[in-house]
Structures are given as C-alpha cells and as structure tokens.
PDB file of N, CA and C in Angstrom:
ATOM      1  N   MET A   1      40.126-126.432-151.907  1.00  0.00           N
ATOM      2  CA  MET A   1      38.973-125.830-151.291  1.00  0.00           C
ATOM      3  C   MET A   1      39.371-124.594-150.485  1.00  0.00           C
ATOM      4  N   VAL A   2      40.451-124.643-149.677  1.00  0.00           N
ATOM      5  CA  VAL A   2      40.972-123.458-148.991  1.00  0.00           C
ATOM      6  C   VAL A   2      41.927-122.772-149.953  1.00  0.00           C
ATOM      7  N   THR A   3      41.631-121.512-150.296  1.00  0.00           N
ATOM      8  CA  THR A   3      42.481-120.799-151.245  1.00  0.00           C
ATOM      9  C   THR A   3      43.460-119.855-150.563  1.00  0.00           C
ATOM     10  N   ASN A   4      43.111-119.392-149.341  1.00  0.00           N
ATOM     11  CA  ASN A   4      43.990-118.462-148.642  1.00  0.00           C
ATOM     12  C   ASN A   4      43.569-118.376-147.178  1.00  0.00           C
ATOM     13  N   VAL A   5      44.546-118.146-146.308  1.00  0.00           N
ATOM     14  CA  VAL A   5      44.276-117.862-144.898  1.00  0.00           C
ATOM     15  C   VAL A   5      45.035-116.588-144.561  1.00  0.00           C
ATOM     16  N   SER A   6      44.333-115.608-143.990  1.00  0.00           N
ATOM     17  CA  SER A   6      44.991-114.358-143.616  1.00  0.00           C
ATOM     18  C   SER A   6      44.607-113.992-142.191  1.00  0.00           C
ATOM     19  N   GLN A   7      45.462-113.205-141.566  1.00  0.00           N
ATOM     20  CA  GLN A   7      45.233-112.774-140.189  1.00  0.00           C
ATOM     21  C   GLN A   7      45.377-111.272-140.099  1.00  0.00           C
ATOM     22  N   ASN A   8      44.422-110.647-139.409  1.00  0.00           N
ATOM     23  CA  ASN A   8      44.486-109.222-139.106  1.00  0.00           C
ATOM     24  C   ASN A   8      44.219-109.095-137.612  1.00  0.00           C
ATOM     25  N   GLY A   9      45.282-109.029-136.821  1.00  0.00           N
ATOM     26  CA  GLY A   9      45.137-109.007-135.370  1.00  0.00           C
ATOM     27  C   GLY A   9      44.544-110.307-134.878  1.00  0.00           C
ATOM     28  N   LYS A  10      43.377-110.221-134.216  1.00  0.00           N
ATOM     29  CA  LYS A  10      42.716-111.411-133.670  1.00  0.00           C
ATOM     30  C   LYS A  10      41.665-111.988-134.619  1.00  0.00           C
ATOM     31  N   GLN A  11      41.644-111.504-135.849  1.00  0.00           N
ATOM     32  CA  GLN A  11      40.669-111.994-136.820  1.00  0.00           C
ATOM     33  C   GLN A  11      41.362-112.816-137.903  1.00  0.00           C
ATOM     34  N   LEU A  12      40.861-114.031-138.118  1.00  0.00           N
ATOM     35  CA  LEU A  12      41.347-114.892-139.189  1.00  0.00           C
ATOM     36  C   LEU A  12      40.288-114.954-140.277  1.00  0.00           C
ATOM     37  N   THR A  13      40.726-114.891-141.522  1.00  0.00           N
ATOM     38  CA  THR A  13      39.827-115.054-142.653  1.00  0.00           C
ATOM     39  C   THR A  13      40.339-116.210-143.494  1.00  0.00           C
ATOM     40  N   ILE A  14      39.478-117.196-143.682  1.00  0.00           N
ATOM     41  CA  ILE A  14      39.809-118.371-144.475  1.00  0.00           C
ATOM     42  C   ILE A  14      39.001-118.267-145.763  1.00  0.00           C
ATOM     43  N   SER A  15      39.690-118.070-146.878  1.00  0.00           N
ATOM     44  CA  SER A  15      39.016-117.949-148.175  1.00  0.00           C
ATOM     45  C   SER A  15      38.848-119.338-148.775  1.00  0.00           C
ATOM     46  N   LEU A  16      37.674-119.576-149.359  1.00  0.00           N
ATOM     47  CA  LEU A  16      37.320-120.893-149.885  1.00  0.00           C
ATOM     48  C   LEU A  16      36.839-120.796-151.320  1.00  0.00           C
ATOM     49  N   THR A  17      36.955-121.906-152.048  1.00  0.00           N
ATOM     50  CA  THR A  17      36.239-121.998-153.309  1.00  0.00           C
ATOM     51  C   THR A  17      34.779-122.235-152.948  1.00  0.00           C
ATOM     52  N   SER A  18      33.874-121.779-153.758  1.00  0.00           N
ATOM     53  CA  SER A  18      32.444-121.942-153.463  1.00  0.00           C
ATOM     54  C   SER A  18      32.073-123.417-153.426  1.00  0.00           C
ATOM     55  N   SER A  19      31.476-123.833-152.319  1.00  0.00           N
ATOM     56  CA  SER A  19      30.948-125.189-152.224  1.00  0.00           C
ATOM     57  C   SER A  19      29.974-125.244-151.060  1.00  0.00           C
ATOM     58  N   PRO A  20      28.945-126.053-151.179  1.00  0.00           N
ATOM     59  CA  PRO A  20      27.916-126.117-150.136  1.00  0.00           C
ATOM     60  C   PRO A  20      28.308-127.044-148.986  1.00  0.00           C
ATOM     61  N   VAL A  21      29.313-126.656-148.228  1.00  0.00           N
ATOM     62  CA  VAL A  21      29.774-127.473-147.105  1.00  0.00           C
ATOM     63  C   VAL A  21      29.277-126.859-145.808  1.00  0.00           C
ATOM     64  N   GLY A  22      28.729-127.683-144.931  1.00  0.00           N
ATOM     65  CA  GLY A  22      28.365-127.247-143.591  1.00  0.00           C
ATOM     66  C   GLY A  22      29.508-127.577-142.652  1.00  0.00           C
ATOM     67  N   TRP A  23      30.244-126.568-142.216  1.00  0.00           N
ATOM     68  CA  TRP A  23      31.415-126.788-141.362  1.00  0.00           C
ATOM     69  C   TRP A  23      30.974-127.036-139.930  1.00  0.00           C
ATOM     70  N   PHE A  24      31.551-128.041-139.287  1.00  0.00           N
ATOM     71  CA  PHE A  24      31.221-128.326-137.896  1.00  0.00           C
ATOM     72  C   PHE A  24      32.437-128.337-136.990  1.00  0.00           C
ATOM     73  N   GLN A  25      33.629-128.208-137.547  1.00  0.00           N
ATOM     74  CA  GLN A  25      34.834-128.115-136.729  1.00  0.00           C
ATOM     75  C   GLN A  25      35.871-127.282-137.479  1.00  0.00           C
ATOM     76  N   ILE A  26      36.423-126.283-136.790  1.00  0.00           N
ATOM     77  CA  ILE A  26      37.481-125.447-137.346  1.00  0.00           C
ATOM     78  C   ILE A  26      38.568-125.402-136.285  1.00  0.00           C
ATOM     79  N   GLN A  27      39.772-125.853-136.643  1.00  0.00           N
ATOM     80  CA  GLN A  27      40.830-126.003-135.653  1.00  0.00           C
ATOM     81  C   GLN A  27      42.114-125.320-136.096  1.00  0.00           C
ATOM     82  N   LEU A  28      42.817-124.751-135.118  1.00  0.00           N
ATOM     83  CA  LEU A  28      44.178-124.272-135.331  1.00  0.00           C
ATOM     84  C   LEU A  28      45.112-125.305-134.723  1.00  0.00           C
ATOM     85  N   PHE A  29      46.099-125.739-135.496  1.00  0.00           N
ATOM     86  CA  PHE A  29      47.066-126.725-135.029  1.00  0.00           C
ATOM     87  C   PHE A  29      48.416-126.073-134.789  1.00  0.00           C
ATOM     88  N   ASN A  30      49.100-126.527-133.751  1.00  0.00           N
ATOM     89  CA  ASN A  30      50.497-126.201-133.493  1.00  0.00           C
ATOM     90  C   ASN A  30      51.186-127.539-133.291  1.00  0.00           C
ATOM     91  N   ASN A  31      51.755-128.067-134.364  1.00  0.00           N
ATOM     92  CA  ASN A  31      52.285-129.427-134.403  1.00  0.00           C
ATOM     93  C   ASN A  31      51.150-130.399-134.087  1.00  0.00           C
ATOM     94  N   GLN A  32      51.208-131.162-133.007  1.00  0.00           N
ATOM     95  CA  GLN A  32      50.158-132.137-132.699  1.00  0.00           C
ATOM     96  C   GLN A  32      49.068-131.590-131.780  1.00  0.00           C
ATOM     97  N   GLU A  33      49.230-130.383-131.255  1.00  0.00           N
ATOM     98  CA  GLU A  33      48.235-129.789-130.366  1.00  0.00           C
ATOM     99  C   GLU A  33      47.285-128.918-131.184  1.00  0.00           C
ATOM    100  N   PHE A  34      46.015-128.888-130.766  1.00  0.00           N
ATOM    101  CA  PHE A  34      45.051-128.078-131.509  1.00  0.00           C
ATOM    102  C   PHE A  34      44.055-127.424-130.567  1.00  0.00           C
ATOM    103  N   VAL A  35      43.421-126.373-131.075  1.00  0.00           N
ATOM    104  CA  VAL A  35      42.318-125.712-130.378  1.00  0.00           C
ATOM    105  C   VAL A  35      41.184-125.545-131.390  1.00  0.00           C
ATOM    106  N   ASP A  36      39.970-125.887-130.959  1.00  0.00           N
ATOM    107  CA  ASP A  36      38.801-125.753-131.823  1.00  0.00           C
ATOM    108  C   ASP A  36      38.282-124.320-131.712  1.00  0.00           C
ATOM    109  N   ILE A  37      38.224-123.603-132.825  1.00  0.00           N
ATOM    110  CA  ILE A  37      37.802-122.198-132.828  1.00  0.00           C
ATOM    111  C   ILE A  37      36.432-122.007-133.477  1.00  0.00           C
ATOM    112  N   PHE A  38      35.717-123.093-133.733  1.00  0.00           N
ATOM    113  CA  PHE A  38      34.435-123.046-134.437  1.00  0.00           C
ATOM    114  C   PHE A  38      33.468-122.023-133.841  1.00  0.00           C
ATOM    115  N   ASP A  39      33.361-121.971-132.521  1.00  0.00           N
ATOM    116  CA  ASP A  39      32.396-121.076-131.868  1.00  0.00           C
ATOM    117  C   ASP A  39      32.679-119.594-132.110  1.00  0.00           C
ATOM    118  N   TYR A  40      33.876-119.261-132.576  1.00  0.00           N
ATOM    119  CA  TYR A  40      34.254-117.870-132.833  1.00  0.00           C
ATOM    120  C   TYR A  40      34.121-117.494-134.310  1.00  0.00           C
ATOM    121  N   CYS A  41      33.581-118.409-135.124  1.00  0.00           N
ATOM    122  CA  CYS A  41      33.589-118.226-136.572  1.00  0.00           C
ATOM    123  C   CYS A  41      32.193-118.118-137.172  1.00  0.00           C
ATOM    124  N   THR A  42      32.119-117.372-138.266  1.00  0.00           N
ATOM    125  CA  THR A  42      30.924-117.318-139.100  1.00  0.00           C
ATOM    126  C   THR A  42      31.360-117.645-140.525  1.00  0.00           C
ATOM    127  N   SER A  43      30.456-118.228-141.297  1.00  0.00           N
ATOM    128  CA  SER A  43      30.867-118.620-142.645  1.00  0.00           C
ATOM    129  C   SER A  43      29.847-118.205-143.694  1.00  0.00           C
ATOM    130  N   THR A  44      30.366-118.026-144.902  1.00  0.00           N
ATOM    131  CA  THR A  44      29.566-117.809-146.096  1.00  0.00           C
ATOM    132  C   THR A  44      30.016-118.862-147.101  1.00  0.00           C
ATOM    133  N   MET A  45      29.492-118.823-148.305  1.00  0.00           N
ATOM    134  CA  MET A  45      29.914-119.786-149.332  1.00  0.00           C
ATOM    135  C   MET A  45      31.389-119.632-149.684  1.00  0.00           C
ATOM    136  N   ASN A  46      31.933-118.398-149.559  1.00  0.00           N
ATOM    137  CA  ASN A  46      33.291-118.133-150.028  1.00  0.00           C
ATOM    138  C   ASN A  46      34.325-117.912-148.941  1.00  0.00           C
ATOM    139  N   SER A  47      33.896-117.799-147.682  1.00  0.00           N
ATOM    140  CA  SER A  47      34.889-117.528-146.639  1.00  0.00           C
ATOM    141  C   SER A  47      34.369-117.886-145.256  1.00  0.00           C
ATOM    142  N   ILE A  48      35.314-118.029-144.352  1.00  0.00           N
ATOM    143  CA  ILE A  48      35.036-118.208-142.930  1.00  0.00           C
ATOM    144  C   ILE A  48      35.806-117.110-142.215  1.00  0.00           C
ATOM    145  N   THR A  49      35.125-116.364-141.354  1.00  0.00           N
ATOM    146  CA  THR A  49      35.763-115.305-140.577  1.00  0.00           C
ATOM    147  C   THR A  49      35.677-115.677-139.108  1.00  0.00           C
ATOM    148  N   CYS A  50      36.825-115.655-138.427  1.00  0.00           N
ATOM    149  CA  CYS A  50      36.892-116.028-137.017  1.00  0.00           C
ATOM    150  C   CYS A  50      37.425-114.844-136.216  1.00  0.00           C
ATOM    151  N   SER A  51      36.633-114.371-135.260  1.00  0.00           N
ATOM    152  CA  SER A  51      37.042-113.288-134.361  1.00  0.00           C
ATOM    153  C   SER A  51      37.406-113.926-133.027  1.00  0.00           C
ATOM    154  N   LEU A  52      38.698-114.012-132.762  1.00  0.00           N
ATOM    155  CA  LEU A  52      39.205-114.770-131.618  1.00  0.00           C
ATOM    156  C   LEU A  52      39.529-113.873-130.429  1.00  0.00           C
ATOM    157  N   PRO A  53      39.400-114.395-129.195  1.00  0.00           N
ATOM    158  CA  PRO A  53      39.771-113.609-128.018  1.00  0.00           C
ATOM    159  C   PRO A  53      41.284-113.416-127.918  1.00  0.00           C
ATOM    160  N   SER A  54      42.055-114.371-128.431  1.00  0.00           N
ATOM    161  CA  SER A  54      43.516-114.290-128.500  1.00  0.00           C
ATOM    162  C   SER A  54      43.973-115.296-129.547  1.00  0.00           C
ATOM    163  N   VAL A  55      45.206-115.154-129.995  1.00  0.00           N
ATOM    164  CA  VAL A  55      45.746-116.061-131.003  1.00  0.00           C
ATOM    165  C   VAL A  55      47.080-116.585-130.493  1.00  0.00           C
ATOM    166  N   GLY A  56      47.188-117.906-130.396  1.00  0.00           N
ATOM    167  CA  GLY A  56      48.442-118.532-129.989  1.00  0.00           C
ATOM    168  C   GLY A  56      49.231-118.967-131.211  1.00  0.00           C
ATOM    169  N   SER A  57      50.315-119.667-130.970  1.00  0.00           N
ATOM    170  CA  SER A  57      51.120-120.189-132.070  1.00  0.00           C
ATOM    171  C   SER A  57      50.336-121.241-132.840  1.00  0.00           C
ATOM    172  N   CYS A  58      50.478-121.235-134.139  1.00  0.00           N
ATOM    173  CA  CYS A  58      49.881-122.294-134.958  1.00  0.00           C
ATOM    174  C   CYS A  58      50.694-122.440-136.237  1.00  0.00           C
ATOM    175  N   ASN A  59      50.590-123.631-136.842  1.00  0.00           N
ATOM    176  CA  ASN A  59      51.258-123.842-138.121  1.00  0.00           C
ATOM    177  C   ASN A  59      50.316-124.378-139.197  1.00  0.00           C
ATOM    178  N   SER A  60      49.024-124.552-138.842  1.00  0.00           N
ATOM    179  CA  SER A  60      48.037-124.931-139.852  1.00  0.00           C
ATOM    180  C   SER A  60      46.627-124.728-139.318  1.00  0.00           C
ATOM    181  N   VAL A  61      45.690-124.668-140.245  1.00  0.00           N
ATOM    182  CA  VAL A  61      44.269-124.583-139.911  1.00  0.00           C
ATOM    183  C   VAL A  61      43.590-125.773-140.584  1.00  0.00           C
ATOM    184  N   SER A  62      42.665-126.399-139.860  1.00  0.00           N
ATOM    185  CA  SER A  62      41.984-127.582-140.365  1.00  0.00           C
ATOM    186  C   SER A  62      40.474-127.390-140.277  1.00  0.00           C
ATOM    187  N   LEU A  63      39.777-127.751-141.343  1.00  0.00           N
ATOM    188  CA  LEU A  63      38.324-127.615-141.419  1.00  0.00           C
ATOM    189  C   LEU A  63      37.698-128.997-141.587  1.00  0.00           C
ATOM    190  N   TRP A  64      36.627-129.258-140.843  1.00  0.00           N
ATOM    191  CA  TRP A  64      35.855-130.490-140.978  1.00  0.00           C
ATOM    192  C   TRP A  64      34.415-130.103-141.267  1.00  0.00           C
ATOM    193  N   GLY A  65      33.798-130.750-142.236  1.00  0.00           N
ATOM    194  CA  GLY A  65      32.418-130.444-142.560  1.00  0.00           C
ATOM    195  C   GLY A  65      31.763-131.572-143.323  1.00  0.00           C
ATOM    196  N   SER A  66      30.524-131.338-143.732  1.00  0.00           N
ATOM    197  CA  SER A  66      29.822-132.334-144.533  1.00  0.00           C
ATOM    198  C   SER A  66      29.088-131.642-145.671  1.00  0.00           C
ATOM    199  N   ILE A  67      28.935-132.384-146.741  1.00  0.00           N
ATOM    200  CA  ILE A  67      28.245-131.880-147.921  1.00  0.00           C
ATOM    201  C   ILE A  67      26.813-132.394-147.857  1.00  0.00           C
ATOM    202  N   GLY A  68      25.903-131.534-147.450  1.00  0.00           N
ATOM    203  CA  GLY A  68      24.497-131.918-147.349  1.00  0.00           C
ATOM    204  C   GLY A  68      24.223-132.801-146.149  1.00  0.00           C
ATOM    205  N   ILE A  69      22.948-133.035-145.892  1.00  0.00           N
ATOM    206  CA  ILE A  69      22.537-133.886-144.777  1.00  0.00           C
ATOM    207  C   ILE A  69      22.841-135.336-145.127  1.00  0.00           C
ATOM    208  N   GLY A  70      23.620-135.981-144.287  1.00  0.00           N
ATOM    209  CA  GLY A  70      23.990-137.367-144.533  1.00  0.00           C
ATOM    210  C   GLY A  70      25.049-137.539-145.601  1.00  0.00           C
ATOM    211  N   GLY A  71      25.586-136.431-146.089  1.00  0.00           N
ATOM    212  CA  GLY A  71      26.608-136.491-147.131  1.00  0.00           C
ATOM    213  C   GLY A  71      27.961-136.872-146.570  1.00  0.00           C
ATOM    214  N   PRO A  72      28.939-137.013-147.435  1.00  0.00           N
ATOM    215  CA  PRO A  72      30.269-137.402-146.976  1.00  0.00           C
ATOM    216  C   PRO A  72      30.930-136.304-146.139  1.00  0.00           C
ATOM    217  N   THR A  73      31.786-136.725-145.215  1.00  0.00           N
ATOM    218  CA  THR A  73      32.564-135.795-144.404  1.00  0.00           C
ATOM    219  C   THR A  73      33.793-135.375-145.196  1.00  0.00           C
ATOM    220  N   VAL A  74      34.101-134.076-145.165  1.00  0.00           N
ATOM    221  CA  VAL A  74      35.293-133.564-145.832  1.00  0.00           C
ATOM    222  C   VAL A  74      36.216-132.941-144.794  1.00  0.00           C
ATOM    223  N   GLN A  75      37.510-133.049-145.041  1.00  0.00           N
ATOM    224  CA  GLN A  75      38.513-132.458-144.155  1.00  0.00           C
ATOM    225  C   GLN A  75      39.535-131.763-145.030  1.00  0.00           C
ATOM    226  N   LYS A  76      39.791-130.498-144.736  1.00  0.00           N
ATOM    227  CA  LYS A  76      40.759-129.711-145.495  1.00  0.00           C
ATOM    228  C   LYS A  76      41.726-129.056-144.525  1.00  0.00           C
ATOM    229  N   THR A  77      43.001-129.150-144.822  1.00  0.00           N
ATOM    230  CA  THR A  77      44.032-128.540-143.989  1.00  0.00           C
ATOM    231  C   THR A  77      44.873-127.618-144.854  1.00  0.00           C
ATOM    232  N   SER A  78      45.208-126.459-144.299  1.00  0.00           N
ATOM    233  CA  SER A  78      46.048-125.501-145.002  1.00  0.00           C
ATOM    234  C   SER A  78      47.162-125.049-144.071  1.00  0.00           C
ATOM    235  N   GLN A  79      48.378-125.014-144.576  1.00  0.00           N
ATOM    236  CA  GLN A  79      49.506-124.529-143.788  1.00  0.00           C
ATOM    237  C   GLN A  79      49.344-123.032-143.576  1.00  0.00           C
ATOM    238  N   PHE A  80      49.529-122.603-142.340  1.00  0.00           N
ATOM    239  CA  PHE A  80      49.385-121.193-142.003  1.00  0.00           C
ATOM    240  C   PHE A  80      50.084-120.943-140.681  1.00  0.00           C
ATOM    241  N   SER A  81      50.925-119.929-140.612  1.00  0.00           N
ATOM    242  CA  SER A  81      51.615-119.574-139.368  1.00  0.00           C
ATOM    243  C   SER A  81      50.935-118.373-138.740  1.00  0.00           C
ATOM    244  N   CYS A  82      50.368-118.583-137.543  1.00  0.00           N
ATOM    245  CA  CYS A  82      49.694-117.505-136.818  1.00  0.00           C
ATOM    246  C   CYS A  82      50.704-116.513-136.258  1.00  0.00           C
ATOM    247  N   THR A  83      50.303-115.259-136.199  1.00  0.00           N
ATOM    248  CA  THR A  83      51.034-114.244-135.459  1.00  0.00           C
ATOM    249  C   THR A  83      50.388-114.177-134.085  1.00  0.00           C
ATOM    250  N   VAL A  84      51.156-114.412-133.028  1.00  0.00           N
ATOM    251  CA  VAL A  84      50.625-114.476-131.668  1.00  0.00           C
ATOM    252  C   VAL A  84      50.105-113.106-131.244  1.00  0.00           C
ATOM    253  N   VAL A  85      48.848-113.078-130.734  1.00  0.00           N
ATOM    254  CA  VAL A  85      48.220-111.865-130.218  1.00  0.00           C
ATOM    255  C   VAL A  85      47.585-112.231-128.884  1.00  0.00           C
ATOM    256  N   ALA A  86      48.028-111.586-127.796  1.00  0.00           N
ATOM    257  CA  ALA A  86      47.497-111.886-126.465  1.00  0.00           C
ATOM    258  C   ALA A  86      46.097-111.311-126.296  1.00  0.00           C
ATOM    259  N   ALA A  87      45.406-111.814-125.292  1.00  0.00           N
ATOM    260  CA  ALA A  87      44.032-111.356-125.004  1.00  0.00           C
ATOM    261  C   ALA A  87      44.005-109.903-124.618  1.00  0.00           C
TER     262      ALA A  87
END
C-alpha cells in the first residue's frame, strides 16, 4: 500500500497505491518512540503530504486507517530514515 516515502525539508510525501482508506493516525517512529503527525497531513487517493513544523529522527512511518464506515482497520508501516530539520 505504501510505495514510497520522500522528504523535502519539513515536508514528507507518502506515496500510496490507490485505495479508499480513511486515515486516522499517521506516526513517525524512532525505535519504540513515536509522534503522531496526522494533524499536519492532507491526503488524496494516491498520496499523503505532511507539512511539519520540524522533523526529528525517525526510522519508519506508520499509517492507521479504515476501509469504509465500520470497515476493517488497516495498519501499514514503511521503513524510512528522516533527515533532521529544526523548527
């Protein structure tokens, strides 16, 4: 489902295969610690773009969502190393 994650400064772009998922949690992980970045993101059928105030260390991005109302919950994780950018 996640095909690519790229970073341009404080902006992350998560490329997706087309699917009707309503995302409700988007997290950056650094080992066992995480930060929820959902409030900084907008999504389309093919991508999620996150404009962040700063970017800390991370080694993966995790998405949580559901397919339709009352549909099953899906979770997708992709390995990705953030480039640290201060506020």
